[in-house]
Amino acid sequence: MEEIKETITSINQEQINSILLAIAIAICFKIFSSILARIIIKIFRLDSKNKAIENTFYKPLKGVFTLLGIYLAILVLEEPFKIAEGIIKTINMIFRILIIIIVSNGIAQGLTAKSKFIKKIQKKIDPNKTENNSSIEFLTKIIKAIIYTIAIFLIIQELGFDLKGLIAGLGLGGVILTLAAQDTAKNLFGGVVIFLDKPFKVGDYIEAGTYSGTVEDITFRSTAIRTVDDTLLHIPNSEMSSIAIVNWNEIKRRRYKTNLLITLETPLEKVKKVKQEIENMLSKQEEIYSDTIMVNFENILDKGIEVVIIAYTNITNYGEYLKLKENVNYQIMKILENNYVQLAYNTQTIYLKSQNKL
């Protein structure tokens, strides 16, 4: 307590005034940081049709002005309190590093699908798609990675390290890192290929080789697919870019096909009648394209008469397609039942030859 009292009594009026001024500067910059950020955005025409507060640069600028207030407040105290030159140099270095962190992080976090900068890129790359564009999401991740990488190099430089010497000094370690990063480089290149080709996007149901499921995310290293078993599968981008991919969300129509195997004992008149009734039934289905309906007596097999039914529907949703397929199958079975036509099944007739022994 005695030491504290002595310290307080040793502070002169000039130092008290400097403390009050420093506090005032810090508070003023904090209060007016939002206003100053808006002014900068207006001056450099960084604003869009939206409010300045929604601008990508608003939060970084606000953070910079707040930090600037604290920095100026410290400088005000330098002379009255005789702060050592080494401490001031350290404070300057910390100030610059914090500026780098605030600006880089603010810009990176502001890069979203709704930001003006990303929207401009989106219009140039793919003007027809404005929602759920995984290519834009992947590009955003690349830009963020570049921003953070530059920030890290700037911070390393601020800490006094020579980047050229650091890179040159890696030597054998650099070679090892390069070899270890080969798979990462392949996956990154695969991600770029996916970005350029756009074979699928987040939310699409795809079949990729032996894998199938809904795409949940596309990162630098892998593509995440939610399988029908509700498990999350991560496939390396290097593999995704080199295998055949079926995108079921891109289909414009689905094909219904089934084969009927009617018993050989069925009269031809009944076969013709069943064919005609199936054609009429399919043509009445609003979801089926009437010009795609094909009901044909295709083969005569040893097991029975094969009738092939093919039709295309405008339903692309798999669940709705299964319902249509079920309904059509019910009606086909009803037609067969009404005409007393039976379907053939695998049977074997064995004839035993008897021999009369003398």
Protein backbone atom coordinates (compact mmCIF):
# COMPACT_ATOMS: atom_id res chain seq x y z
CA MET A 1 0.00 0.00 0.00
CA GLU A 2 2.83 2.41 0.84
CA GLU A 3 4.47 1.80 -2.57
CA ILE A 4 1.14 2.48 -4.34
CA LYS A 5 0.66 5.73 -2.41
CA GLU A 6 4.20 6.84 -3.25
CA THR A 7 3.61 6.07 -6.97
CA ILE A 8 0.34 8.05 -7.00
CA THR A 9 1.90 11.05 -5.22
CA SER A 10 4.89 11.00 -7.64
CA ILE A 11 2.62 11.53 -10.67
CA ASN A 12 2.71 15.19 -11.64
CA GLN A 13 -0.02 17.27 -13.24
CA GLU A 14 1.42 16.86 -16.74
CA GLN A 15 1.26 13.09 -16.45
CA ILE A 16 -2.31 13.22 -15.13
CA ASN A 17 -3.31 15.40 -18.07
CA SER A 18 -1.59 12.95 -20.44
CA ILE A 19 -3.49 10.00 -18.92
CA LEU A 20 -6.80 11.84 -19.25
CA LEU A 21 -5.96 12.80 -22.84
CA ALA A 22 -4.96 9.22 -23.68
CA ILE A 23 -8.22 7.86 -22.24
CA ALA A 24 -10.19 10.49 -24.15
CA ILE A 25 -8.43 9.62 -27.43
CA ALA A 26 -9.05 5.88 -26.98
CA ILE A 27 -12.73 6.43 -26.12
CA CYS A 28 -13.29 8.87 -28.99
CA PHE A 29 -11.79 6.53 -31.56
CA LYS A 30 -13.89 3.68 -30.16
CA ILE A 31 -17.09 5.74 -30.31
CA PHE A 32 -16.43 7.24 -33.74
CA SER A 33 -14.85 4.13 -35.30
CA SER A 34 -18.12 3.17 -37.01
CA ILE A 35 -18.59 6.69 -38.40
CA LEU A 36 -14.98 6.85 -39.64
CA ALA A 37 -15.38 3.42 -41.27
CA ARG A 38 -18.51 4.62 -43.11
CA ILE A 39 -16.68 7.79 -44.27
CA ILE A 40 -13.79 5.76 -45.70
CA ILE A 41 -16.22 3.46 -47.50
CA LYS A 42 -18.01 6.47 -48.98
CA ILE A 43 -14.79 8.28 -50.00
CA PHE A 44 -13.33 5.29 -51.84
CA ARG A 45 -16.74 4.30 -53.25
CA LEU A 46 -16.59 0.88 -51.61
CA ASP A 47 -20.28 1.01 -50.79
CA SER A 48 -22.94 -0.84 -52.73
CA LYS A 49 -26.69 -0.49 -52.86
CA ASN A 50 -26.77 -2.02 -49.39
CA LYS A 51 -25.92 -0.16 -46.19
CA ALA A 52 -22.26 0.58 -45.42
CA ILE A 53 -22.52 -1.62 -42.32
CA GLU A 54 -23.03 -4.62 -44.62
CA ASN A 55 -19.88 -3.81 -46.59
CA THR A 56 -16.98 -6.30 -46.50
CA PHE A 57 -14.53 -3.62 -45.33
CA TYR A 58 -16.75 -2.14 -42.59
CA LYS A 59 -15.70 -4.37 -39.68
CA PRO A 60 -11.95 -4.35 -40.52
CA LEU A 61 -11.95 -0.54 -40.79
CA LYS A 62 -13.85 -0.21 -37.52
CA GLY A 63 -11.34 -2.51 -35.81
CA VAL A 64 -8.40 -0.57 -37.29
CA PHE A 65 -9.71 2.79 -35.98
CA THR A 66 -10.34 1.33 -32.51
CA LEU A 67 -6.80 -0.06 -32.39
CA LEU A 68 -5.43 3.21 -33.77
CA GLY A 69 -7.04 5.06 -30.85
CA ILE A 70 -5.31 2.77 -28.34
CA TYR A 71 -1.99 3.16 -30.18
CA LEU A 72 -2.21 6.98 -30.22
CA ALA A 73 -3.16 6.94 -26.53
CA ILE A 74 0.05 5.02 -25.76
CA LEU A 75 2.12 7.48 -27.81
CA VAL A 76 0.64 10.38 -25.83
CA LEU A 77 2.03 8.77 -22.65
CA GLU A 78 5.51 8.19 -24.15
CA GLU A 79 7.07 11.58 -23.33
CA PRO A 80 5.51 12.32 -19.90
CA PHE A 81 6.29 8.83 -18.55
CA LYS A 82 9.69 8.52 -20.30
CA ILE A 83 8.84 5.16 -21.86
CA ALA A 84 11.97 3.40 -23.12
CA GLU A 85 12.67 3.39 -26.86
CA GLY A 86 12.81 -0.42 -26.92
CA ILE A 87 9.31 -0.67 -25.45
CA ILE A 88 7.99 1.82 -28.03
CA LYS A 89 9.54 -0.24 -30.84
CA THR A 90 7.88 -3.37 -29.46
CA ILE A 91 4.54 -1.54 -29.23
CA ASN A 92 4.92 -0.35 -32.85
CA MET A 93 5.62 -3.91 -33.97
CA ILE A 94 2.61 -5.29 -32.03
CA PHE A 95 0.44 -2.51 -33.48
CA ARG A 96 1.42 -3.41 -37.06
CA ILE A 97 0.90 -7.14 -36.43
CA LEU A 98 -2.54 -6.51 -34.92
CA ILE A 99 -3.44 -4.32 -37.91
CA ILE A 100 -2.45 -7.16 -40.26
CA ILE A 101 -4.50 -9.68 -38.25
CA ILE A 102 -7.59 -7.44 -38.02
CA VAL A 103 -7.56 -6.45 -41.69
CA SER A 104 -6.85 -9.93 -43.09
CA ASN A 105 -9.33 -11.66 -40.80
CA GLY A 106 -11.99 -8.99 -41.40
CA ILE A 107 -11.66 -9.19 -45.19
CA ALA A 108 -11.59 -13.01 -45.16
CA GLN A 109 -14.64 -13.28 -42.92
CA GLY A 110 -16.44 -10.70 -45.05
CA LEU A 111 -16.01 -12.80 -48.18
CA THR A 112 -19.35 -14.59 -48.30
CA ALA A 113 -21.80 -15.46 -51.04
CA LYS A 114 -23.65 -12.21 -50.24
CA SER A 115 -20.63 -9.90 -50.45
CA LYS A 116 -20.35 -7.51 -53.40
CA PHE A 117 -16.90 -8.79 -54.44
CA ILE A 118 -18.01 -12.45 -54.57
CA LYS A 119 -21.23 -11.55 -56.41
CA LYS A 120 -19.19 -9.83 -59.13
CA ILE A 121 -17.02 -12.94 -59.54
CA GLN A 122 -20.13 -15.13 -59.56
CA LYS A 123 -21.71 -13.10 -62.37
CA LYS A 124 -18.59 -13.45 -64.50
CA ILE A 125 -18.07 -17.16 -63.85
CA ASP A 126 -21.67 -18.39 -63.85
CA PRO A 127 -24.30 -15.70 -64.43
CA ASN A 128 -27.19 -18.19 -64.54
CA LYS A 129 -26.69 -19.65 -61.07
CA THR A 130 -27.15 -17.42 -58.06
CA GLU A 131 -27.82 -19.93 -55.28
CA ASN A 132 -26.15 -23.03 -53.89
CA ASN A 133 -23.11 -22.59 -56.13
CA SER A 134 -20.39 -24.84 -54.77
CA SER A 135 -17.89 -23.44 -57.30
CA ILE A 136 -18.24 -19.98 -55.76
CA GLU A 137 -17.90 -21.46 -52.27
CA PHE A 138 -14.70 -23.26 -53.28
CA LEU A 139 -13.32 -20.09 -54.90
CA THR A 140 -14.10 -18.16 -51.71
CA LYS A 141 -12.09 -20.70 -49.69
CA ILE A 142 -9.13 -20.31 -52.06
CA ILE A 143 -9.21 -16.50 -51.78
CA LYS A 144 -9.42 -16.74 -47.96
CA ALA A 145 -6.45 -19.12 -47.91
CA ILE A 146 -4.41 -16.68 -50.04
CA ILE A 147 -5.33 -13.78 -47.71
CA TYR A 148 -4.30 -15.71 -44.59
CA THR A 149 -1.08 -16.91 -46.25
CA ILE A 150 -0.08 -13.35 -47.15
CA ALA A 151 -0.93 -12.23 -43.60
CA ILE A 152 1.29 -14.96 -42.11
CA PHE A 153 4.23 -13.93 -44.31
CA LEU A 154 3.75 -10.26 -43.36
CA ILE A 155 3.67 -11.15 -39.65
CA ILE A 156 6.84 -13.27 -40.00
CA GLN A 157 8.52 -10.29 -41.67
CA GLU A 158 7.34 -7.95 -38.88
CA LEU A 159 8.88 -10.29 -36.31
CA GLY A 160 12.25 -9.67 -37.93
CA PHE A 161 12.73 -12.90 -39.86
CA ASP A 162 14.27 -12.75 -43.33
CA LEU A 163 11.84 -14.62 -45.58
CA LYS A 164 14.45 -15.26 -48.28
CA GLY A 165 16.88 -16.64 -45.73
CA LEU A 166 14.13 -18.68 -44.09
CA ILE A 167 13.10 -20.26 -47.40
CA ALA A 168 16.72 -20.88 -48.41
CA GLY A 169 17.50 -22.32 -44.98
CA LEU A 170 14.84 -25.02 -45.32
CA GLY A 171 17.24 -27.05 -47.48
CA LEU A 172 16.61 -30.76 -47.10
CA GLY A 173 13.62 -30.02 -44.88
CA GLY A 174 12.03 -28.20 -47.79
CA VAL A 175 12.51 -31.21 -50.04
CA ILE A 176 10.93 -33.48 -47.41
CA LEU A 177 8.01 -31.11 -47.02
CA THR A 178 7.58 -30.99 -50.80
CA LEU A 179 7.47 -34.76 -51.04
CA ALA A 180 5.06 -34.98 -48.11
CA ALA A 181 2.83 -32.36 -49.70
CA GLN A 182 2.45 -34.21 -53.01
CA ASP A 183 -0.88 -35.75 -52.02
CA THR A 184 -2.09 -32.39 -50.75
CA ALA A 185 -1.09 -30.79 -54.06
CA LYS A 186 -2.92 -33.53 -56.00
CA ASN A 187 -6.06 -33.01 -53.94
CA LEU A 188 -5.85 -29.25 -54.35
CA PHE A 189 -5.43 -29.63 -58.11
CA GLY A 190 -8.37 -32.05 -58.11
CA GLY A 191 -10.43 -29.43 -56.27
CA VAL A 192 -9.53 -26.84 -58.92
CA VAL A 193 -10.60 -29.29 -61.66
CA ILE A 194 -13.95 -29.78 -59.89
CA PHE A 195 -14.28 -25.99 -59.59
CA LEU A 196 -13.65 -25.48 -63.32
CA ASP A 197 -15.68 -28.43 -64.67
CA LYS A 198 -18.57 -28.07 -62.17
CA PRO A 199 -19.72 -31.73 -62.42
CA PHE A 200 -21.73 -31.26 -59.21
CA LYS A 201 -22.52 -28.79 -56.44
CA VAL A 202 -23.41 -28.97 -52.77
CA GLY A 203 -26.83 -30.60 -52.39
CA ASP A 204 -26.59 -32.79 -55.52
CA TYR A 205 -27.12 -36.55 -55.33
CA ILE A 206 -24.28 -38.20 -57.23
CA GLU A 207 -22.75 -41.57 -58.05
CA ALA A 208 -18.97 -41.45 -58.18
CA GLY A 209 -17.48 -44.86 -58.91
CA THR A 210 -18.61 -47.15 -56.11
CA TYR A 211 -19.74 -44.19 -53.97
CA SER A 212 -23.17 -42.57 -53.96
CA GLY A 213 -24.86 -39.94 -51.81
CA THR A 214 -25.60 -36.24 -51.36
CA VAL A 215 -22.72 -33.77 -51.62
CA GLU A 216 -22.43 -31.84 -48.34
CA ASP A 217 -19.16 -29.94 -48.75
CA ILE A 218 -16.23 -29.40 -51.12
CA THR A 219 -12.93 -28.46 -49.45
CA PHE A 220 -9.33 -28.13 -50.63
CA ARG A 221 -8.57 -31.75 -49.75
CA SER A 222 -11.78 -33.72 -50.20
CA THR A 223 -15.45 -33.86 -51.10
CA ALA A 224 -17.87 -34.84 -48.32
CA ILE A 225 -20.77 -37.10 -49.35
CA ARG A 226 -23.68 -38.13 -47.11
CA THR A 227 -24.49 -41.73 -48.05
CA VAL A 228 -27.90 -43.41 -47.89
CA ASP A 229 -26.76 -45.00 -44.61
CA ASP A 230 -26.43 -41.46 -43.20
CA THR A 231 -22.67 -41.80 -42.90
CA LEU A 232 -20.37 -38.98 -44.00
CA LEU A 233 -17.84 -40.11 -46.58
CA HIS A 234 -14.78 -37.96 -47.40
CA ILE A 235 -13.37 -38.71 -50.86
CA PRO A 236 -10.01 -37.12 -51.87
CA ASN A 237 -10.43 -34.58 -54.67
CA SER A 238 -7.65 -36.29 -56.62
CA GLU A 239 -9.87 -39.37 -56.84
CA MET A 240 -13.08 -37.41 -57.48
CA SER A 241 -11.50 -35.63 -60.45
CA SER A 242 -10.42 -38.89 -62.11
CA ILE A 243 -13.57 -41.06 -61.91
CA ALA A 244 -16.86 -41.04 -63.79
CA ILE A 245 -19.58 -39.09 -61.98
CA VAL A 246 -23.33 -39.44 -62.46
CA ASN A 247 -25.20 -36.36 -61.24
CA TRP A 248 -28.81 -37.37 -60.68
CA ASN A 249 -29.84 -33.78 -60.01
CA GLU A 250 -29.00 -32.86 -63.60
CA ILE A 251 -31.35 -35.38 -65.23
CA LYS A 252 -34.36 -33.95 -67.07
CA ARG A 253 -36.45 -37.13 -66.99
CA ARG A 254 -36.38 -40.70 -65.66
CA ARG A 255 -36.99 -43.95 -67.48
CA TYR A 256 -39.47 -46.55 -66.35
CA LYS A 257 -38.70 -50.04 -67.59
CA THR A 258 -39.97 -53.49 -66.73
CA ASN A 259 -40.05 -56.90 -68.39
CA LEU A 260 -43.09 -59.16 -68.22
CA LEU A 261 -42.67 -62.87 -68.78
CA ILE A 262 -46.07 -64.33 -69.69
CA THR A 263 -46.68 -68.08 -69.78
CA LEU A 264 -46.38 -69.78 -73.18
CA GLU A 265 -49.91 -71.13 -72.85
CA THR A 266 -51.37 -67.60 -73.05
CA PRO A 267 -53.38 -67.09 -76.29
CA LEU A 268 -51.95 -64.45 -78.65
CA GLU A 269 -55.20 -62.51 -78.61
CA LYS A 270 -54.84 -62.04 -74.86
CA VAL A 271 -51.22 -60.96 -75.27
CA LYS A 272 -52.30 -58.30 -77.79
CA LYS A 273 -55.14 -57.17 -75.54
CA VAL A 274 -52.86 -56.88 -72.51
CA LYS A 275 -50.35 -54.90 -74.57
CA GLN A 276 -53.03 -52.46 -75.74
CA GLU A 277 -54.49 -51.97 -72.25
CA ILE A 278 -51.03 -51.28 -70.78
CA GLU A 279 -50.36 -48.69 -73.51
CA ASN A 280 -53.71 -47.00 -72.82
CA MET A 281 -53.06 -46.98 -69.07
CA LEU A 282 -49.62 -45.39 -69.49
CA SER A 283 -50.92 -42.75 -71.92
CA LYS A 284 -53.39 -41.60 -69.25
CA GLN A 285 -50.60 -40.91 -66.75
CA GLU A 286 -49.97 -37.14 -66.73
CA GLU A 287 -46.38 -37.60 -65.50
CA ILE A 288 -45.44 -39.86 -68.46
CA TYR A 289 -44.49 -38.56 -71.91
CA SER A 290 -46.97 -40.25 -74.27
CA ASP A 291 -44.55 -40.22 -77.22
CA THR A 292 -42.03 -42.31 -75.27
CA ILE A 293 -44.35 -45.22 -74.42
CA MET A 294 -43.18 -48.56 -75.84
CA VAL A 295 -44.89 -51.88 -75.09
CA ASN A 296 -43.41 -54.63 -77.28
CA PHE A 297 -43.59 -58.37 -77.65
CA GLU A 298 -39.82 -58.78 -77.66
CA ASN A 299 -38.85 -62.42 -77.29
CA ILE A 300 -40.13 -65.97 -77.22
CA LEU A 301 -38.17 -67.74 -74.51
CA ASP A 302 -38.27 -71.29 -73.28
CA LYS A 303 -39.77 -69.94 -70.05
CA GLY A 304 -42.46 -67.74 -71.64
CA ILE A 305 -43.38 -64.73 -73.77
CA GLU A 306 -41.32 -61.63 -72.95
CA VAL A 307 -43.06 -58.24 -73.13
CA VAL A 308 -40.89 -55.15 -72.55
CA ILE A 309 -42.46 -51.94 -71.25
CA ILE A 310 -40.54 -48.63 -71.48
CA ALA A 311 -41.72 -45.07 -70.78
CA TYR A 312 -40.17 -41.78 -69.68
CA THR A 313 -41.51 -39.56 -66.92
CA ASN A 314 -40.95 -35.87 -66.14
CA ILE A 315 -40.51 -36.73 -62.44
CA THR A 316 -36.85 -36.36 -61.43
CA ASN A 317 -37.18 -36.63 -57.64
CA TYR A 318 -36.28 -40.20 -56.73
CA GLY A 319 -38.90 -40.58 -54.00
CA GLU A 320 -41.71 -39.33 -56.25
CA TYR A 321 -40.43 -41.53 -59.07
CA LEU A 322 -40.69 -44.63 -56.83
CA LYS A 323 -44.31 -43.74 -56.05
CA LEU A 324 -45.14 -43.43 -59.76
CA LYS A 325 -43.38 -46.71 -60.49
CA GLU A 326 -45.32 -48.45 -57.74
CA ASN A 327 -48.62 -47.09 -59.04
CA VAL A 328 -47.86 -48.23 -62.61
CA ASN A 329 -46.83 -51.68 -61.39
CA TYR A 330 -50.11 -52.04 -59.48
CA GLN A 331 -52.10 -51.15 -62.57
CA ILE A 332 -50.15 -53.58 -64.78
CA MET A 333 -50.80 -56.38 -62.31
CA LYS A 334 -54.48 -55.43 -62.28
CA ILE A 335 -54.63 -55.62 -66.09
CA LEU A 336 -53.04 -59.09 -66.05
CA GLU A 337 -55.44 -60.21 -63.32
CA ASN A 338 -58.53 -58.93 -65.18
CA ASN A 339 -57.46 -60.78 -68.33
CA TYR A 340 -56.58 -63.96 -66.44
CA VAL A 341 -53.01 -63.79 -67.70
CA GLN A 342 -50.35 -65.42 -65.57
CA LEU A 343 -46.69 -64.59 -65.31
CA ALA A 344 -44.20 -67.37 -65.91
CA TYR A 345 -41.69 -68.46 -63.30
CA ASN A 346 -38.74 -70.80 -63.32
CA THR A 347 -39.94 -74.39 -63.55
CA GLN A 348 -38.52 -77.70 -64.66
CA THR A 349 -40.45 -80.62 -65.96
CA ILE A 350 -38.72 -83.96 -65.46
CA TYR A 351 -39.78 -86.92 -67.56
CA LEU A 352 -38.96 -90.34 -66.20
CA LYS A 353 -38.57 -93.09 -68.70
CA SER A 354 -39.63 -96.43 -67.37
CA GLN A 355 -38.03 -99.64 -68.54
CA ASN A 356 -39.69 -103.03 -68.37
CA LYS A 357 -37.25 -105.58 -67.17
CA LEU A 358 -37.67 -109.06 -68.36
